[in-house]
Amino acid sequence: MLGRLLELIVLLLVIRAAWRTLSSLVTISGGVRKSPAARGEPQAKHLVRDPVCGTYVSPDSAVYQDGRYFCSEKCRDDYKRQAS
């Protein structure tokens, strides 16, 4: 009786392990995938490089002039001065 119970428990554990393995393979191979935002990961941002100091800055916070992005007004003014 005890031997049958242990066989049943082992069989259930093997079935559970196989089920988990198959479900993870389905998820990896293109099943249900969450977006980075749904997983709580930050969104990737596009950055631009300042031509004067080389700092990478978000276009939203950059100083934009003449088709170029600058990290600050100082870099923008230095660029104008170098171009003259």
Protein backbone atom coordinates (compact mmCIF):
# COMPACT_ATOMS: atom_id res chain seq x y z
CA MET A 1 0.00 0.00 0.00
CA LEU A 2 2.76 2.46 0.94
CA GLY A 3 4.70 1.47 -2.18
CA ARG A 4 1.72 2.31 -4.43
CA LEU A 5 1.30 5.70 -2.72
CA LEU A 6 4.97 6.55 -3.29
CA GLU A 7 4.69 5.48 -6.96
CA LEU A 8 1.67 7.75 -7.38
CA ILE A 9 3.48 10.72 -5.79
CA VAL A 10 6.52 10.19 -8.01
CA LEU A 11 4.29 9.92 -11.09
CA LEU A 12 2.52 13.16 -10.20
CA LEU A 13 5.85 14.95 -9.69
CA VAL A 14 7.09 13.74 -13.09
CA ILE A 15 3.88 14.91 -14.78
CA ARG A 16 4.15 18.29 -13.06
CA ALA A 17 7.78 18.72 -14.15
CA ALA A 18 6.91 17.78 -17.73
CA TRP A 19 3.99 20.22 -17.74
CA ARG A 20 6.18 23.09 -16.49
CA THR A 21 8.85 22.30 -19.07
CA LEU A 22 6.35 22.25 -21.93
CA SER A 23 4.66 25.46 -20.82
CA SER A 24 7.99 27.27 -20.58
CA LEU A 25 8.94 26.07 -24.07
CA VAL A 26 5.67 27.40 -25.46
CA THR A 27 6.30 30.77 -23.80
CA ILE A 28 9.86 30.97 -25.12
CA SER A 29 8.93 29.93 -28.65
CA GLY A 30 6.48 32.76 -29.17
CA GLY A 31 3.52 31.95 -27.02
CA VAL A 32 2.50 34.56 -24.50
CA ARG A 33 5.06 37.34 -24.22
CA LYS A 34 4.72 40.44 -22.17
CA SER A 35 5.89 43.80 -23.42
CA PRO A 36 8.77 45.48 -21.57
CA ALA A 37 6.31 47.94 -20.04
CA ALA A 38 4.08 45.11 -18.80
CA ARG A 39 7.11 43.47 -17.16
CA GLY A 40 7.93 46.72 -15.36
CA GLU A 41 11.03 47.44 -17.44
CA PRO A 42 11.76 51.03 -18.46
CA GLN A 43 11.12 52.01 -22.06
CA ALA A 44 14.14 52.59 -24.27
CA LYS A 45 14.71 56.24 -25.10
CA HIS A 46 16.25 57.68 -28.21
CA LEU A 47 19.22 59.89 -27.35
CA VAL A 48 21.11 62.39 -29.47
CA ARG A 49 24.75 63.38 -29.14
CA ASP A 50 25.87 66.93 -28.50
CA PRO A 51 28.41 67.85 -31.23
CA VAL A 52 30.50 69.99 -28.85
CA CYS A 53 30.99 67.98 -25.66
CA GLY A 54 29.76 64.57 -26.82
CA THR A 55 27.13 64.23 -24.11
CA TYR A 56 24.09 62.11 -24.96
CA VAL A 57 20.85 63.89 -24.21
CA SER A 58 17.14 63.28 -24.73
CA PRO A 59 15.71 65.33 -27.61
CA ASP A 60 12.91 66.42 -25.26
CA SER A 61 15.33 68.23 -22.95
CA ALA A 62 17.95 69.28 -25.52
CA VAL A 63 18.50 72.74 -26.94
CA TYR A 64 17.68 72.45 -30.66
CA GLN A 65 19.02 74.83 -33.28
CA ASP A 66 19.96 74.59 -36.94
CA GLY A 67 19.18 70.86 -37.10
CA ARG A 68 21.43 70.00 -34.17
CA TYR A 69 20.79 69.08 -30.57
CA PHE A 70 22.87 70.54 -27.74
CA CYS A 71 22.97 69.61 -24.06
CA SER A 72 22.99 73.27 -23.01
CA GLU A 73 22.94 76.80 -24.31
CA LYS A 74 26.67 77.05 -23.49
CA CYS A 75 27.47 74.19 -25.90
CA ARG A 76 25.21 75.74 -28.52
CA ASP A 77 27.04 79.07 -28.19
CA ASP A 78 30.44 77.35 -28.34
CA TYR A 79 29.37 75.59 -31.52
CA LYS A 80 28.29 78.88 -33.09
CA ARG A 81 31.60 80.44 -32.09
CA GLN A 82 33.60 77.53 -33.59
CA ALA A 83 31.59 77.68 -36.83
CA SER A 84 32.28 81.39 -37.28
